PDB file of N, CA and C in Angstrom:
ATOM      1  N   MET A   1      -7.147 -14.135   2.351  1.00  0.00           N
ATOM      2  CA  MET A   1      -7.561 -12.800   2.704  1.00  0.00           C
ATOM      3  C   MET A   1      -8.236 -12.858   4.072  1.00  0.00           C
ATOM      4  N   SER A   2      -7.845 -11.953   4.942  1.00  0.00           N
ATOM      5  CA  SER A   2      -8.447 -11.934   6.278  1.00  0.00           C
ATOM      6  C   SER A   2      -9.871 -11.390   6.206  1.00  0.00           C
ATOM      7  N   ASN A   3     -10.637 -11.644   7.245  1.00  0.00           N
ATOM      8  CA  ASN A   3     -12.019 -11.170   7.274  1.00  0.00           C
ATOM      9  C   ASN A   3     -12.089  -9.651   7.256  1.00  0.00           C
ATOM     10  N   LYS A   4     -11.139  -8.984   7.908  1.00  0.00           N
ATOM     11  CA  LYS A   4     -11.127  -7.520   7.938  1.00  0.00           C
ATOM     12  C   LYS A   4     -10.856  -6.954   6.536  1.00  0.00           C
ATOM     13  N   ALA A   5      -9.900  -7.539   5.828  1.00  0.00           N
ATOM     14  CA  ALA A   5      -9.603  -7.092   4.462  1.00  0.00           C
ATOM     15  C   ALA A   5     -10.776  -7.401   3.536  1.00  0.00           C
ATOM     16  N   LEU A   6     -11.418  -8.536   3.742  1.00  0.00           N
ATOM     17  CA  LEU A   6     -12.577  -8.912   2.939  1.00  0.00           C
ATOM     18  C   LEU A   6     -13.727  -7.937   3.150  1.00  0.00           C
ATOM     19  N   ALA A   7     -13.974  -7.571   4.395  1.00  0.00           N
ATOM     20  CA  ALA A   7     -15.044  -6.620   4.692  1.00  0.00           C
ATOM     21  C   ALA A   7     -14.742  -5.240   4.103  1.00  0.00           C
ATOM     22  N   THR A   8     -13.492  -4.803   4.187  1.00  0.00           N
ATOM     23  CA  THR A   8     -13.114  -3.503   3.629  1.00  0.00           C
ATOM     24  C   THR A   8     -13.277  -3.487   2.119  1.00  0.00           C
ATOM     25  N   THR A   9     -12.815  -4.537   1.457  1.00  0.00           N
ATOM     26  CA  THR A   9     -12.969  -4.634   0.005  1.00  0.00           C
ATOM     27  C   THR A   9     -14.437  -4.652  -0.375  1.00  0.00           C
ATOM     28  N   ASN A  10     -15.232  -5.391   0.364  1.00  0.00           N
ATOM     29  CA  ASN A  10     -16.657  -5.505   0.078  1.00  0.00           C
ATOM     30  C   ASN A  10     -17.353  -4.150   0.190  1.00  0.00           C
ATOM     31  N   ILE A  11     -17.071  -3.395   1.236  1.00  0.00           N
ATOM     32  CA  ILE A  11     -17.747  -2.114   1.407  1.00  0.00           C
ATOM     33  C   ILE A  11     -17.304  -1.117   0.340  1.00  0.00           C
ATOM     34  N   LEU A  12     -16.046  -1.140  -0.058  1.00  0.00           N
ATOM     35  CA  LEU A  12     -15.578  -0.240  -1.121  1.00  0.00           C
ATOM     36  C   LEU A  12     -16.239  -0.562  -2.461  1.00  0.00           C
ATOM     37  N   VAL A  13     -16.342  -1.849  -2.753  1.00  0.00           N
ATOM     38  CA  VAL A  13     -16.964  -2.255  -4.018  1.00  0.00           C
ATOM     39  C   VAL A  13     -18.457  -1.939  -4.010  1.00  0.00           C
ATOM     40  N   ILE A  14     -19.110  -2.123  -2.875  1.00  0.00           N
ATOM     41  CA  ILE A  14     -20.538  -1.847  -2.784  1.00  0.00           C
ATOM     42  C   ILE A  14     -20.812  -0.349  -2.898  1.00  0.00           C
ATOM     43  N   MET A  15     -19.990   0.470  -2.281  1.00  0.00           N
ATOM     44  CA  MET A  15     -20.256   1.911  -2.241  1.00  0.00           C
ATOM     45  C   MET A  15     -19.951   2.622  -3.557  1.00  0.00           C
ATOM     46  N   THR A  16     -19.080   2.082  -4.399  1.00  0.00           N
ATOM     47  CA  THR A  16     -18.685   2.774  -5.629  1.00  0.00           C
ATOM     48  C   THR A  16     -19.869   3.086  -6.545  1.00  0.00           C
ATOM     49  N   PRO A  17     -20.714   2.123  -6.948  1.00  0.00           N
ATOM     50  CA  PRO A  17     -21.842   2.474  -7.810  1.00  0.00           C
ATOM     51  C   PRO A  17     -22.841   3.416  -7.136  1.00  0.00           C
ATOM     52  N   PHE A  18     -23.031   3.246  -5.825  1.00  0.00           N
ATOM     53  CA  PHE A  18     -23.956   4.124  -5.108  1.00  0.00           C
ATOM     54  C   PHE A  18     -23.446   5.559  -5.100  1.00  0.00           C
ATOM     55  N   LEU A  19     -22.159   5.738  -4.834  1.00  0.00           N
ATOM     56  CA  LEU A  19     -21.597   7.089  -4.821  1.00  0.00           C
ATOM     57  C   LEU A  19     -21.627   7.727  -6.202  1.00  0.00           C
ATOM     58  N   LEU A  20     -21.412   6.926  -7.244  1.00  0.00           N
ATOM     59  CA  LEU A  20     -21.531   7.453  -8.605  1.00  0.00           C
ATOM     60  C   LEU A  20     -22.948   7.928  -8.879  1.00  0.00           C
ATOM     61  N   GLY A  21     -23.926   7.182  -8.414  1.00  0.00           N
ATOM     62  CA  GLY A  21     -25.323   7.570  -8.601  1.00  0.00           C
ATOM     63  C   GLY A  21     -25.686   8.816  -7.815  1.00  0.00           C
ATOM     64  N   VAL A  22     -25.201   8.915  -6.592  1.00  0.00           N
ATOM     65  CA  VAL A  22     -25.467  10.100  -5.779  1.00  0.00           C
ATOM     66  C   VAL A  22     -24.826  11.329  -6.422  1.00  0.00           C
ATOM     67  N   PHE A  23     -23.601  11.190  -6.886  1.00  0.00           N
ATOM     68  CA  PHE A  23     -22.917  12.308  -7.532  1.00  0.00           C
ATOM     69  C   PHE A  23     -23.660  12.747  -8.788  1.00  0.00           C
ATOM     70  N   ALA A  24     -24.087  11.769  -9.580  1.00  0.00           N
ATOM     71  CA  ALA A  24     -24.801  12.094 -10.818  1.00  0.00           C
ATOM     72  C   ALA A  24     -26.134  12.771 -10.523  1.00  0.00           C
ATOM     73  N   THR A  25     -26.808  12.349  -9.458  1.00  0.00           N
ATOM     74  CA  THR A  25     -28.093  12.946  -9.100  1.00  0.00           C
ATOM     75  C   THR A  25     -27.914  14.343  -8.508  1.00  0.00           C
ATOM     76  N   ALA A  26     -26.947  14.501  -7.631  1.00  0.00           N
ATOM     77  CA  ALA A  26     -26.770  15.771  -6.932  1.00  0.00           C
ATOM     78  C   ALA A  26     -26.231  16.869  -7.845  1.00  0.00           C
ATOM     79  N   PHE A  27     -25.290  16.535  -8.703  1.00  0.00           N
ATOM     80  CA  PHE A  27     -24.625  17.548  -9.521  1.00  0.00           C
ATOM     81  C   PHE A  27     -25.036  17.507 -10.987  1.00  0.00           C
ATOM     82  N   GLU A  28     -25.954  16.598 -11.320  1.00  0.00           N
ATOM     83  CA  GLU A  28     -26.437  16.427 -12.691  1.00  0.00           C
ATOM     84  C   GLU A  28     -25.279  16.289 -13.684  1.00  0.00           C
ATOM     85  N   LYS A  29     -24.290  15.514 -13.271  1.00  0.00           N
ATOM     86  CA  LYS A  29     -23.117  15.273 -14.125  1.00  0.00           C
ATOM     87  C   LYS A  29     -22.642  13.847 -13.886  1.00  0.00           C
ATOM     88  N   GLN A  30     -22.481  13.087 -14.948  1.00  0.00           N
ATOM     89  CA  GLN A  30     -22.024  11.715 -14.822  1.00  0.00           C
ATOM     90  C   GLN A  30     -20.507  11.663 -14.886  1.00  0.00           C
ATOM     91  N   ILE A  31     -19.913  10.884 -13.980  1.00  0.00           N
ATOM     92  CA  ILE A  31     -18.471  10.681 -14.000  1.00  0.00           C
ATOM     93  C   ILE A  31     -18.124   9.601 -15.020  1.00  0.00           C
ATOM     94  N   LEU A  32     -18.881   8.523 -14.994  1.00  0.00           N
ATOM     95  CA  LEU A  32     -18.666   7.398 -15.901  1.00  0.00           C
ATOM     96  C   LEU A  32     -19.909   7.196 -16.750  1.00  0.00           C
ATOM     97  N   SER A  33     -19.724   6.524 -17.865  1.00  0.00           N
ATOM     98  CA  SER A  33     -20.866   6.214 -18.719  1.00  0.00           C
ATOM     99  C   SER A  33     -21.745   5.166 -18.038  1.00  0.00           C
ATOM    100  N   GLN A  34     -22.926   4.983 -18.572  1.00  0.00           N
ATOM    101  CA  GLN A  34     -23.830   3.995 -17.998  1.00  0.00           C
ATOM    102  C   GLN A  34     -23.265   2.587 -18.115  1.00  0.00           C
ATOM    103  N   GLY A  35     -22.513   2.338 -19.169  1.00  0.00           N
ATOM    104  CA  GLY A  35     -21.903   1.017 -19.349  1.00  0.00           C
ATOM    105  C   GLY A  35     -20.918   0.689 -18.239  1.00  0.00           C
ATOM    106  N   TRP A  36     -20.056   1.648 -17.904  1.00  0.00           N
ATOM    107  CA  TRP A  36     -19.082   1.428 -16.837  1.00  0.00           C
ATOM    108  C   TRP A  36     -19.765   1.300 -15.483  1.00  0.00           C
ATOM    109  N   THR A  37     -20.812   2.073 -15.282  1.00  0.00           N
ATOM    110  CA  THR A  37     -21.563   1.967 -14.033  1.00  0.00           C
ATOM    111  C   THR A  37     -22.220   0.596 -13.928  1.00  0.00           C
ATOM    112  N   ALA A  38     -22.728   0.073 -15.046  1.00  0.00           N
ATOM    113  CA  ALA A  38     -23.321  -1.267 -15.048  1.00  0.00           C
ATOM    114  C   ALA A  38     -22.268  -2.333 -14.754  1.00  0.00           C
ATOM    115  N   ILE A  39     -21.082  -2.177 -15.304  1.00  0.00           N
ATOM    116  CA  ILE A  39     -19.992  -3.127 -15.035  1.00  0.00           C
ATOM    117  C   ILE A  39     -19.622  -3.091 -13.557  1.00  0.00           C
ATOM    118  N   LEU A  40     -19.530  -1.890 -12.974  1.00  0.00           N
ATOM    119  CA  LEU A  40     -19.242  -1.774 -11.543  1.00  0.00           C
ATOM    120  C   LEU A  40     -20.346  -2.414 -10.701  1.00  0.00           C
ATOM    121  N   GLY A  41     -21.599  -2.277 -11.143  1.00  0.00           N
ATOM    122  CA  GLY A  41     -22.703  -2.930 -10.441  1.00  0.00           C
ATOM    123  C   GLY A  41     -22.592  -4.438 -10.497  1.00  0.00           C
ATOM    124  N   PHE A  42     -22.181  -4.958 -11.649  1.00  0.00           N
ATOM    125  CA  PHE A  42     -21.991  -6.402 -11.793  1.00  0.00           C
ATOM    126  C   PHE A  42     -20.859  -6.883 -10.887  1.00  0.00           C
ATOM    127  N   VAL A  43     -19.754  -6.139 -10.860  1.00  0.00           N
ATOM    128  CA  VAL A  43     -18.633  -6.489  -9.981  1.00  0.00           C
ATOM    129  C   VAL A  43     -19.098  -6.465  -8.522  1.00  0.00           C
ATOM    130  N   MET A  44     -19.943  -5.491  -8.185  1.00  0.00           N
ATOM    131  CA  MET A  44     -20.478  -5.393  -6.833  1.00  0.00           C
ATOM    132  C   MET A  44     -21.242  -6.666  -6.468  1.00  0.00           C
ATOM    133  N   MET A  45     -22.061  -7.161  -7.392  1.00  0.00           N
ATOM    134  CA  MET A  45     -22.835  -8.373  -7.110  1.00  0.00           C
ATOM    135  C   MET A  45     -21.921  -9.581  -6.961  1.00  0.00           C
ATOM    136  N   VAL A  46     -20.929  -9.719  -7.835  1.00  0.00           N
ATOM    137  CA  VAL A  46     -20.023 -10.868  -7.775  1.00  0.00           C
ATOM    138  C   VAL A  46     -19.243 -10.873  -6.470  1.00  0.00           C
ATOM    139  N   VAL A  47     -18.705  -9.722  -6.094  1.00  0.00           N
ATOM    140  CA  VAL A  47     -17.933  -9.647  -4.844  1.00  0.00           C
ATOM    141  C   VAL A  47     -18.840  -9.891  -3.642  1.00  0.00           C
ATOM    142  N   GLY A  48     -20.069  -9.396  -3.685  1.00  0.00           N
ATOM    143  CA  GLY A  48     -21.003  -9.625  -2.589  1.00  0.00           C
ATOM    144  C   GLY A  48     -21.343 -11.094  -2.414  1.00  0.00           C
ATOM    145  N   ILE A  49     -21.566 -11.784  -3.517  1.00  0.00           N
ATOM    146  CA  ILE A  49     -21.860 -13.220  -3.452  1.00  0.00           C
ATOM    147  C   ILE A  49     -20.640 -13.983  -2.965  1.00  0.00           C
ATOM    148  N   TRP A  50     -19.463 -13.620  -3.472  1.00  0.00           N
ATOM    149  CA  TRP A  50     -18.231 -14.280  -3.054  1.00  0.00           C
ATOM    150  C   TRP A  50     -18.000 -14.085  -1.556  1.00  0.00           C
ATOM    151  N   THR A  51     -18.233 -12.860  -1.079  1.00  0.00           N
ATOM    152  CA  THR A  51     -18.070 -12.572   0.350  1.00  0.00           C
ATOM    153  C   THR A  51     -19.049 -13.389   1.178  1.00  0.00           C
ATOM    154  N   SER A  52     -20.286 -13.461   0.747  1.00  0.00           N
ATOM    155  CA  SER A  52     -21.304 -14.231   1.474  1.00  0.00           C
ATOM    156  C   SER A  52     -20.939 -15.698   1.540  1.00  0.00           C
ATOM    157  N   LEU A  53     -20.495 -16.261   0.440  1.00  0.00           N
ATOM    158  CA  LEU A  53     -20.102 -17.676   0.428  1.00  0.00           C
ATOM    159  C   LEU A  53     -18.884 -17.921   1.314  1.00  0.00           C
ATOM    160  N   ARG A  54     -17.938 -17.021   1.257  1.00  0.00           N
ATOM    161  CA  ARG A  54     -16.736 -17.194   2.067  1.00  0.00           C
ATOM    162  C   ARG A  54     -17.065 -17.098   3.561  1.00  0.00           C
ATOM    163  N   LEU A  55     -17.886 -16.127   3.929  1.00  0.00           N
ATOM    164  CA  LEU A  55     -18.238 -15.962   5.339  1.00  0.00           C
ATOM    165  C   LEU A  55     -19.168 -17.069   5.826  1.00  0.00           C
ATOM    166  N   ALA A  56     -19.934 -17.667   4.910  1.00  0.00           N
ATOM    167  CA  ALA A  56     -20.809 -18.777   5.301  1.00  0.00           C
ATOM    168  C   ALA A  56     -19.988 -20.011   5.702  1.00  0.00           C
ATOM    169  N   LYS A  57     -18.793 -20.139   5.191  1.00  0.00           N
ATOM    170  CA  LYS A  57     -17.939 -21.267   5.509  1.00  0.00           C
ATOM    171  C   LYS A  57     -17.255 -21.103   6.860  1.00  0.00           C
ATOM    172  N   GLN A  58     -17.275 -19.900   7.418  1.00  0.00           N
ATOM    173  CA  GLN A  58     -16.638 -19.653   8.711  1.00  0.00           C
ATOM    174  C   GLN A  58     -17.419 -20.354   9.820  1.00  0.00           C
ATOM    175  N   PRO A  59     -16.706 -20.901  10.787  1.00  0.00           N
ATOM    176  CA  PRO A  59     -17.427 -21.532  11.909  1.00  0.00           C
ATOM    177  C   PRO A  59     -18.136 -20.486  12.754  1.00  0.00           C
ATOM    178  N   ASP A  60     -19.235 -20.907  13.351  1.00  0.00           N
ATOM    179  CA  ASP A  60     -20.019 -19.990  14.205  1.00  0.00           C
ATOM    180  C   ASP A  60     -19.370 -19.754  15.534  1.00  0.00           C
TER     181      ASP A  60
END
């Protein structure tokens, strides 16, 4: 995976739980249950750690 594709995937995964929270707060309506939101948050952490490790291996 190229760095550009990795960065795009990372930002999409990071923004999904945040946007769900903003939507739920602004419109007082949940799109997904709390369980699914928690799973998306977990996926966000895993992808973030994976991205950090992968980018740490890149030469300076």
